[in-house]
Amino acid sequence: MERNNRSELTFTLFHHDIKIDAFYNFLYQMNDIILALFFIVGSFLFFKESTTFYGTVLFVIGSFQLLIRPLILISREVHIYTLKNK
């Protein structure tokens, strides 16, 4: 762990220094984009009766992704806490 000029915690991943806030914000945003795509495609699949099952599957997957959102934020807080208390 180290602090840079702006006092943001960083960690190294694949030989790159990664700012914790930027990393978890990126994960959160990517999850939201994928979540939105699942719901959009799932919605279109409901227009045709023959594809309703697949639309439902995408909605279930999207619902699990809604669970991932707070888990990303909790992981960020735990990560920061463990780095600060080493």
PDB file of N, CA and C in Angstrom:
ATOM      1  N   MET A   1       0.843  -1.181   0.000  1.00  0.00           N
ATOM      2  CA  MET A   1       0.000   0.000   0.000  1.00  0.00           C
ATOM      3  C   MET A   1       0.881   1.235   0.000  1.00  0.00           C
ATOM      4  N   GLU A   2       0.443   2.231  -0.728  1.00  0.00           N
ATOM      5  CA  GLU A   2       1.152   3.502  -0.710  1.00  0.00           C
ATOM      6  C   GLU A   2       0.145   4.609  -0.957  1.00  0.00           C
ATOM      7  N   ARG A   3       0.546   5.802  -0.623  1.00  0.00           N
ATOM      8  CA  ARG A   3      -0.311   6.949  -0.879  1.00  0.00           C
ATOM      9  C   ARG A   3       0.381   7.808  -1.936  1.00  0.00           C
ATOM     10  N   ASN A   4      -0.400   8.246  -2.916  1.00  0.00           N
ATOM     11  CA  ASN A   4       0.190   9.122  -3.918  1.00  0.00           C
ATOM     12  C   ASN A   4      -0.032  10.577  -3.506  1.00  0.00           C
ATOM     13  N   ASN A   5       0.230  11.500  -4.392  1.00  0.00           N
ATOM     14  CA  ASN A   5       0.127  12.920  -4.065  1.00  0.00           C
ATOM     15  C   ASN A   5      -1.266  13.340  -3.631  1.00  0.00           C
ATOM     16  N   ARG A   6      -2.280  12.681  -4.107  1.00  0.00           N
ATOM     17  CA  ARG A   6      -3.653  13.063  -3.765  1.00  0.00           C
ATOM     18  C   ARG A   6      -4.202  12.227  -2.615  1.00  0.00           C
ATOM     19  N   SER A   7      -3.354  11.481  -1.931  1.00  0.00           N
ATOM     20  CA  SER A   7      -3.719  10.664  -0.776  1.00  0.00           C
ATOM     21  C   SER A   7      -4.758   9.605  -1.112  1.00  0.00           C
ATOM     22  N   GLU A   8      -4.728   9.062  -2.309  1.00  0.00           N
ATOM     23  CA  GLU A   8      -5.606   7.963  -2.667  1.00  0.00           C
ATOM     24  C   GLU A   8      -4.842   6.663  -2.513  1.00  0.00           C
ATOM     25  N   LEU A   9      -5.474   5.664  -1.937  1.00  0.00           N
ATOM     26  CA  LEU A   9      -4.827   4.372  -1.783  1.00  0.00           C
ATOM     27  C   LEU A   9      -4.663   3.712  -3.144  1.00  0.00           C
ATOM     28  N   THR A  10      -3.554   3.012  -3.306  1.00  0.00           N
ATOM     29  CA  THR A  10      -3.306   2.303  -4.550  1.00  0.00           C
ATOM     30  C   THR A  10      -2.886   0.874  -4.242  1.00  0.00           C
ATOM     31  N   PHE A  11      -3.032   0.007  -5.225  1.00  0.00           N
ATOM     32  CA  PHE A  11      -2.505  -1.344  -5.136  1.00  0.00           C
ATOM     33  C   PHE A  11      -1.974  -1.720  -6.502  1.00  0.00           C
ATOM     34  N   THR A  12      -1.152  -2.752  -6.551  1.00  0.00           N
ATOM     35  CA  THR A  12      -0.530  -3.164  -7.802  1.00  0.00           C
ATOM     36  C   THR A  12      -1.246  -4.381  -8.348  1.00  0.00           C
ATOM     37  N   LEU A  13      -1.610  -4.323  -9.628  1.00  0.00           N
ATOM     38  CA  LEU A  13      -2.265  -5.422 -10.315  1.00  0.00           C
ATOM     39  C   LEU A  13      -1.592  -5.562 -11.675  1.00  0.00           C
ATOM     40  N   PHE A  14      -0.999  -6.716 -11.941  1.00  0.00           N
ATOM     41  CA  PHE A  14      -0.293  -6.965 -13.199  1.00  0.00           C
ATOM     42  C   PHE A  14       0.755  -5.879 -13.475  1.00  0.00           C
ATOM     43  N   HIS A  15       1.518  -5.531 -12.450  1.00  0.00           N
ATOM     44  CA  HIS A  15       2.615  -4.565 -12.539  1.00  0.00           C
ATOM     45  C   HIS A  15       2.135  -3.136 -12.819  1.00  0.00           C
ATOM     46  N   HIS A  16       0.876  -2.843 -12.523  1.00  0.00           N
ATOM     47  CA  HIS A  16       0.343  -1.485 -12.687  1.00  0.00           C
ATOM     48  C   HIS A  16      -0.209  -1.017 -11.352  1.00  0.00           C
ATOM     49  N   ASP A  17       0.080   0.220 -11.003  1.00  0.00           N
ATOM     50  CA  ASP A  17      -0.512   0.797  -9.800  1.00  0.00           C
ATOM     51  C   ASP A  17      -1.944   1.212 -10.120  1.00  0.00           C
ATOM     52  N   ILE A  18      -2.855   0.714  -9.312  1.00  0.00           N
ATOM     53  CA  ILE A  18      -4.279   0.968  -9.532  1.00  0.00           C
ATOM     54  C   ILE A  18      -4.822   1.727  -8.329  1.00  0.00           C
ATOM     55  N   LYS A  19      -5.526   2.819  -8.568  1.00  0.00           N
ATOM     56  CA  LYS A  19      -6.190   3.541  -7.491  1.00  0.00           C
ATOM     57  C   LYS A  19      -7.437   2.753  -7.105  1.00  0.00           C
ATOM     58  N   ILE A  20      -7.590   2.520  -5.831  1.00  0.00           N
ATOM     59  CA  ILE A  20      -8.709   1.703  -5.358  1.00  0.00           C
ATOM     60  C   ILE A  20     -10.043   2.300  -5.775  1.00  0.00           C
ATOM     61  N   ASP A  21     -10.229   3.582  -5.575  1.00  0.00           N
ATOM     62  CA  ASP A  21     -11.508   4.192  -5.942  1.00  0.00           C
ATOM     63  C   ASP A  21     -11.795   4.042  -7.430  1.00  0.00           C
ATOM     64  N   ALA A  22     -10.781   4.264  -8.261  1.00  0.00           N
ATOM     65  CA  ALA A  22     -10.969   4.151  -9.708  1.00  0.00           C
ATOM     66  C   ALA A  22     -11.298   2.715 -10.102  1.00  0.00           C
ATOM     67  N   PHE A  23     -10.611   1.755  -9.495  1.00  0.00           N
ATOM     68  CA  PHE A  23     -10.832   0.343  -9.808  1.00  0.00           C
ATOM     69  C   PHE A  23     -12.264  -0.079  -9.480  1.00  0.00           C
ATOM     70  N   TYR A  24     -12.724   0.231  -8.270  1.00  0.00           N
ATOM     71  CA  TYR A  24     -14.075  -0.181  -7.878  1.00  0.00           C
ATOM     72  C   TYR A  24     -15.151   0.624  -8.598  1.00  0.00           C
ATOM     73  N   ASN A  25     -14.879   1.887  -8.902  1.00  0.00           N
ATOM     74  CA  ASN A  25     -15.834   2.655  -9.710  1.00  0.00           C
ATOM     75  C   ASN A  25     -15.959   2.049 -11.107  1.00  0.00           C
ATOM     76  N   PHE A  26     -14.833   1.613 -11.669  1.00  0.00           N
ATOM     77  CA  PHE A  26     -14.864   0.961 -12.986  1.00  0.00           C
ATOM     78  C   PHE A  26     -15.682  -0.328 -12.919  1.00  0.00           C
ATOM     79  N   LEU A  27     -15.446  -1.166 -11.908  1.00  0.00           N
ATOM     80  CA  LEU A  27     -16.234  -2.401 -11.760  1.00  0.00           C
ATOM     81  C   LEU A  27     -17.719  -2.097 -11.636  1.00  0.00           C
ATOM     82  N   TYR A  28     -18.053  -1.104 -10.826  1.00  0.00           N
ATOM     83  CA  TYR A  28     -19.447  -0.724 -10.603  1.00  0.00           C
ATOM     84  C   TYR A  28     -20.106  -0.269 -11.907  1.00  0.00           C
ATOM     85  N   GLN A  29     -19.401   0.581 -12.656  1.00  0.00           N
ATOM     86  CA  GLN A  29     -19.957   1.096 -13.906  1.00  0.00           C
ATOM     87  C   GLN A  29     -20.090  -0.001 -14.967  1.00  0.00           C
ATOM     88  N   MET A  30     -19.093  -0.874 -15.058  1.00  0.00           N
ATOM     89  CA  MET A  30     -19.184  -1.978 -16.026  1.00  0.00           C
ATOM     90  C   MET A  30     -20.342  -2.904 -15.679  1.00  0.00           C
ATOM     91  N   ASN A  31     -20.534  -3.183 -14.403  1.00  0.00           N
ATOM     92  CA  ASN A  31     -21.660  -4.003 -13.983  1.00  0.00           C
ATOM     93  C   ASN A  31     -22.977  -3.338 -14.383  1.00  0.00           C
ATOM     94  N   ASP A  32     -23.081  -2.020 -14.186  1.00  0.00           N
ATOM     95  CA  ASP A  32     -24.308  -1.305 -14.553  1.00  0.00           C
ATOM     96  C   ASP A  32     -24.565  -1.349 -16.058  1.00  0.00           C
ATOM     97  N   ILE A  33     -23.516  -1.233 -16.868  1.00  0.00           N
ATOM     98  CA  ILE A  33     -23.679  -1.291 -18.324  1.00  0.00           C
ATOM     99  C   ILE A  33     -24.173  -2.671 -18.747  1.00  0.00           C
ATOM    100  N   ILE A  34     -23.543  -3.712 -18.216  1.00  0.00           N
ATOM    101  CA  ILE A  34     -23.954  -5.083 -18.561  1.00  0.00           C
ATOM    102  C   ILE A  34     -25.375  -5.348 -18.063  1.00  0.00           C
ATOM    103  N   LEU A  35     -25.681  -4.879 -16.870  1.00  0.00           N
ATOM    104  CA  LEU A  35     -27.021  -5.017 -16.305  1.00  0.00           C
ATOM    105  C   LEU A  35     -28.064  -4.372 -17.214  1.00  0.00           C
ATOM    106  N   ALA A  36     -27.787  -3.168 -17.657  1.00  0.00           N
ATOM    107  CA  ALA A  36     -28.720  -2.462 -18.542  1.00  0.00           C
ATOM    108  C   ALA A  36     -28.905  -3.217 -19.858  1.00  0.00           C
ATOM    109  N   LEU A  37     -27.812  -3.749 -20.404  1.00  0.00           N
ATOM    110  CA  LEU A  37     -27.926  -4.500 -21.660  1.00  0.00           C
ATOM    111  C   LEU A  37     -28.786  -5.748 -21.488  1.00  0.00           C
ATOM    112  N   PHE A  38     -28.611  -6.463 -20.361  1.00  0.00           N
ATOM    113  CA  PHE A  38     -29.448  -7.639 -20.114  1.00  0.00           C
ATOM    114  C   PHE A  38     -30.923  -7.256 -20.051  1.00  0.00           C
ATOM    115  N   PHE A  39     -31.251  -6.176 -19.362  1.00  0.00           N
ATOM    116  CA  PHE A  39     -32.643  -5.767 -19.245  1.00  0.00           C
ATOM    117  C   PHE A  39     -33.203  -5.252 -20.570  1.00  0.00           C
ATOM    118  N   ILE A  40     -32.402  -4.533 -21.332  1.00  0.00           N
ATOM    119  CA  ILE A  40     -32.871  -4.031 -22.633  1.00  0.00           C
ATOM    120  C   ILE A  40     -33.141  -5.189 -23.591  1.00  0.00           C
ATOM    121  N   VAL A  41     -32.157  -6.101 -23.736  1.00  0.00           N
ATOM    122  CA  VAL A  41     -32.342  -7.243 -24.636  1.00  0.00           C
ATOM    123  C   VAL A  41     -33.490  -8.118 -24.138  1.00  0.00           C
ATOM    124  N   GLY A  42     -33.540  -8.345 -22.821  1.00  0.00           N
ATOM    125  CA  GLY A  42     -34.629  -9.134 -22.250  1.00  0.00           C
ATOM    126  C   GLY A  42     -35.987  -8.528 -22.544  1.00  0.00           C
ATOM    127  N   SER A  43     -36.077  -7.213 -22.482  1.00  0.00           N
ATOM    128  CA  SER A  43     -37.345  -6.529 -22.784  1.00  0.00           C
ATOM    129  C   SER A  43     -37.770  -6.754 -24.230  1.00  0.00           C
ATOM    130  N   PHE A  44     -36.814  -6.668 -25.153  1.00  0.00           N
ATOM    131  CA  PHE A  44     -37.150  -6.907 -26.559  1.00  0.00           C
ATOM    132  C   PHE A  44     -37.572  -8.351 -26.797  1.00  0.00           C
ATOM    133  N   LEU A  45     -36.981  -9.271 -26.057  1.00  0.00           N
ATOM    134  CA  LEU A  45     -37.344 -10.679 -26.228  1.00  0.00           C
ATOM    135  C   LEU A  45     -38.763 -10.962 -25.747  1.00  0.00           C
ATOM    136  N   PHE A  46     -39.325 -10.112 -24.915  1.00  0.00           N
ATOM    137  CA  PHE A  46     -40.709 -10.288 -24.471  1.00  0.00           C
ATOM    138  C   PHE A  46     -41.728  -9.919 -25.547  1.00  0.00           C
ATOM    139  N   PHE A  47     -41.313  -9.241 -26.604  1.00  0.00           N
ATOM    140  CA  PHE A  47     -42.243  -8.870 -27.667  1.00  0.00           C
ATOM    141  C   PHE A  47     -42.759 -10.079 -28.447  1.00  0.00           C
ATOM    142  N   LYS A  48     -41.963 -11.125 -28.496  1.00  0.00           N
ATOM    143  CA  LYS A  48     -42.346 -12.322 -29.233  1.00  0.00           C
ATOM    144  C   LYS A  48     -42.534 -13.471 -28.248  1.00  0.00           C
ATOM    145  N   GLU A  49     -43.635 -14.177 -28.353  1.00  0.00           N
ATOM    146  CA  GLU A  49     -43.924 -15.252 -27.411  1.00  0.00           C
ATOM    147  C   GLU A  49     -42.875 -16.360 -27.447  1.00  0.00           C
ATOM    148  N   SER A  50     -42.301 -16.613 -28.617  1.00  0.00           N
ATOM    149  CA  SER A  50     -41.319 -17.702 -28.740  1.00  0.00           C
ATOM    150  C   SER A  50     -39.990 -17.380 -28.051  1.00  0.00           C
ATOM    151  N   THR A  51     -39.735 -16.129 -27.738  1.00  0.00           N
ATOM    152  CA  THR A  51     -38.469 -15.770 -27.092  1.00  0.00           C
ATOM    153  C   THR A  51     -38.661 -15.289 -25.643  1.00  0.00           C
ATOM    154  N   THR A  52     -39.863 -15.425 -25.126  1.00  0.00           N
ATOM    155  CA  THR A  52     -40.148 -14.971 -23.761  1.00  0.00           C
ATOM    156  C   THR A  52     -39.293 -15.685 -22.720  1.00  0.00           C
ATOM    157  N   PHE A  53     -39.051 -16.981 -22.907  1.00  0.00           N
ATOM    158  CA  PHE A  53     -38.212 -17.724 -21.961  1.00  0.00           C
ATOM    159  C   PHE A  53     -36.826 -17.090 -21.859  1.00  0.00           C
ATOM    160  N   TYR A  54     -36.224 -16.769 -22.998  1.00  0.00           N
ATOM    161  CA  TYR A  54     -34.882 -16.181 -23.006  1.00  0.00           C
ATOM    162  C   TYR A  54     -34.892 -14.786 -22.380  1.00  0.00           C
ATOM    163  N   GLY A  55     -35.962 -14.056 -22.595  1.00  0.00           N
ATOM    164  CA  GLY A  55     -36.102 -12.750 -21.948  1.00  0.00           C
ATOM    165  C   GLY A  55     -36.160 -12.890 -20.438  1.00  0.00           C
ATOM    166  N   THR A  56     -36.871 -13.909 -19.980  1.00  0.00           N
ATOM    167  CA  THR A  56     -36.959 -14.160 -18.541  1.00  0.00           C
ATOM    168  C   THR A  56     -35.588 -14.532 -17.970  1.00  0.00           C
ATOM    169  N   VAL A  57     -34.833 -15.356 -18.695  1.00  0.00           N
ATOM    170  CA  VAL A  57     -33.488 -15.733 -18.248  1.00  0.00           C
ATOM    171  C   VAL A  57     -32.620 -14.484 -18.100  1.00  0.00           C
ATOM    172  N   LEU A  58     -32.683 -13.577 -19.070  1.00  0.00           N
ATOM    173  CA  LEU A  58     -31.885 -12.346 -18.986  1.00  0.00           C
ATOM    174  C   LEU A  58     -32.320 -11.482 -17.812  1.00  0.00           C
ATOM    175  N   PHE A  59     -33.618 -11.456 -17.513  1.00  0.00           N
ATOM    176  CA  PHE A  59     -34.095 -10.682 -16.372  1.00  0.00           C
ATOM    177  C   PHE A  59     -33.594 -11.288 -15.059  1.00  0.00           C
ATOM    178  N   VAL A  60     -33.542 -12.608 -14.970  1.00  0.00           N
ATOM    179  CA  VAL A  60     -33.022 -13.254 -13.769  1.00  0.00           C
ATOM    180  C   VAL A  60     -31.533 -12.948 -13.607  1.00  0.00           C
ATOM    181  N   ILE A  61     -30.783 -13.040 -14.694  1.00  0.00           N
ATOM    182  CA  ILE A  61     -29.349 -12.711 -14.641  1.00  0.00           C
ATOM    183  C   ILE A  61     -29.172 -11.248 -14.220  1.00  0.00           C
ATOM    184  N   GLY A  62     -29.980 -10.365 -14.807  1.00  0.00           N
ATOM    185  CA  GLY A  62     -29.918  -8.947 -14.443  1.00  0.00           C
ATOM    186  C   GLY A  62     -30.242  -8.724 -12.976  1.00  0.00           C
ATOM    187  N   SER A  63     -31.171  -9.494 -12.446  1.00  0.00           N
ATOM    188  CA  SER A  63     -31.513  -9.376 -11.028  1.00  0.00           C
ATOM    189  C   SER A  63     -30.340  -9.771 -10.140  1.00  0.00           C
ATOM    190  N   PHE A  64     -29.613 -10.813 -10.528  1.00  0.00           N
ATOM    191  CA  PHE A  64     -28.415 -11.183  -9.774  1.00  0.00           C
ATOM    192  C   PHE A  64     -27.366 -10.082  -9.859  1.00  0.00           C
ATOM    193  N   GLN A  65     -27.307  -9.414 -10.993  1.00  0.00           N
ATOM    194  CA  GLN A  65     -26.345  -8.317 -11.121  1.00  0.00           C
ATOM    195  C   GLN A  65     -26.725  -7.152 -10.220  1.00  0.00           C
ATOM    196  N   LEU A  66     -28.003  -6.986  -9.939  1.00  0.00           N
ATOM    197  CA  LEU A  66     -28.396  -5.963  -8.970  1.00  0.00           C
ATOM    198  C   LEU A  66     -27.825  -6.290  -7.596  1.00  0.00           C
ATOM    199  N   LEU A  67     -27.685  -7.559  -7.285  1.00  0.00           N
ATOM    200  CA  LEU A  67     -27.065  -7.984  -6.040  1.00  0.00           C
ATOM    201  C   LEU A  67     -25.571  -7.685  -6.042  1.00  0.00           C
ATOM    202  N   ILE A  68     -24.949  -7.748  -7.197  1.00  0.00           N
ATOM    203  CA  ILE A  68     -23.504  -7.511  -7.303  1.00  0.00           C
ATOM    204  C   ILE A  68     -23.153  -6.058  -6.976  1.00  0.00           C
ATOM    205  N   ARG A  69     -24.056  -5.127  -7.287  1.00  0.00           N
ATOM    206  CA  ARG A  69     -23.762  -3.707  -7.067  1.00  0.00           C
ATOM    207  C   ARG A  69     -23.348  -3.401  -5.631  1.00  0.00           C
ATOM    208  N   PRO A  70     -24.161  -3.763  -4.625  1.00  0.00           N
ATOM    209  CA  PRO A  70     -23.717  -3.460  -3.261  1.00  0.00           C
ATOM    210  C   PRO A  70     -22.501  -4.296  -2.842  1.00  0.00           C
ATOM    211  N   LEU A  71     -22.345  -5.485  -3.417  1.00  0.00           N
ATOM    212  CA  LEU A  71     -21.184  -6.311  -3.084  1.00  0.00           C
ATOM    213  C   LEU A  71     -19.886  -5.651  -3.559  1.00  0.00           C
ATOM    214  N   ILE A  72     -19.948  -4.952  -4.699  1.00  0.00           N
ATOM    215  CA  ILE A  72     -18.776  -4.212  -5.177  1.00  0.00           C
ATOM    216  C   ILE A  72     -18.419  -3.099  -4.191  1.00  0.00           C
ATOM    217  N   LEU A  73     -19.430  -2.386  -3.724  1.00  0.00           N
ATOM    218  CA  LEU A  73     -19.169  -1.297  -2.775  1.00  0.00           C
ATOM    219  C   LEU A  73     -18.657  -1.826  -1.441  1.00  0.00           C
ATOM    220  N   ILE A  74     -19.222  -2.935  -0.964  1.00  0.00           N
ATOM    221  CA  ILE A  74     -18.748  -3.536   0.282  1.00  0.00           C
ATOM    222  C   ILE A  74     -17.311  -4.020   0.118  1.00  0.00           C
ATOM    223  N   SER A  75     -16.999  -4.642  -1.019  1.00  0.00           N
ATOM    224  CA  SER A  75     -15.638  -5.109  -1.278  1.00  0.00           C
ATOM    225  C   SER A  75     -14.656  -3.957  -1.261  1.00  0.00           C
ATOM    226  N   ARG A  76     -15.045  -2.831  -1.824  1.00  0.00           N
ATOM    227  CA  ARG A  76     -14.191  -1.647  -1.835  1.00  0.00           C
ATOM    228  C   ARG A  76     -13.892  -1.201  -0.411  1.00  0.00           C
ATOM    229  N   GLU A  77     -14.923  -1.119   0.407  1.00  0.00           N
ATOM    230  CA  GLU A  77     -14.734  -0.674   1.785  1.00  0.00           C
ATOM    231  C   GLU A  77     -13.849  -1.642   2.574  1.00  0.00           C
ATOM    232  N   VAL A  78     -14.054  -2.934   2.392  1.00  0.00           N
ATOM    233  CA  VAL A  78     -13.230  -3.935   3.075  1.00  0.00           C
ATOM    234  C   VAL A  78     -11.787  -3.844   2.594  1.00  0.00           C
ATOM    235  N   HIS A  79     -11.586  -3.670   1.298  1.00  0.00           N
ATOM    236  CA  HIS A  79     -10.255  -3.552   0.721  1.00  0.00           C
ATOM    237  C   HIS A  79      -9.521  -2.356   1.323  1.00  0.00           C
ATOM    238  N   ILE A  80     -10.174  -1.222   1.346  1.00  0.00           N
ATOM    239  CA  ILE A  80      -9.561  -0.008   1.909  1.00  0.00           C
ATOM    240  C   ILE A  80      -9.276  -0.210   3.399  1.00  0.00           C
ATOM    241  N   TYR A  81     -10.212  -0.780   4.124  1.00  0.00           N
ATOM    242  CA  TYR A  81     -10.025  -1.001   5.563  1.00  0.00           C
ATOM    243  C   TYR A  81      -8.825  -1.905   5.829  1.00  0.00           C
ATOM    244  N   THR A  82      -8.710  -2.994   5.060  1.00  0.00           N
ATOM    245  CA  THR A  82      -7.604  -3.915   5.300  1.00  0.00           C
ATOM    246  C   THR A  82      -6.258  -3.282   4.942  1.00  0.00           C
ATOM    247  N   LEU A  83      -6.224  -2.477   3.901  1.00  0.00           N
ATOM    248  CA  LEU A  83      -4.969  -1.814   3.542  1.00  0.00           C
ATOM    249  C   LEU A  83      -4.559  -0.776   4.573  1.00  0.00           C
ATOM    250  N   LYS A  84      -5.526  -0.047   5.095  1.00  0.00           N
ATOM    251  CA  LYS A  84      -5.219   0.988   6.091  1.00  0.00           C
ATOM    252  C   LYS A  84      -4.788   0.394   7.422  1.00  0.00           C
ATOM    253  N   ASN A  85      -5.233  -0.814   7.710  1.00  0.00           N
ATOM    254  CA  ASN A  85      -4.954  -1.409   9.020  1.00  0.00           C
ATOM    255  C   ASN A  85      -3.885  -2.493   8.987  1.00  0.00           C
ATOM    256  N   LYS A  86      -3.062  -2.505   7.966  1.00  0.00           N
ATOM    257  CA  LYS A  86      -1.960  -3.473   7.894  1.00  0.00           C
ATOM    258  C   LYS A  86      -0.824  -3.008   8.752  1.00  0.00           C
TER     259      LYS A  86
END
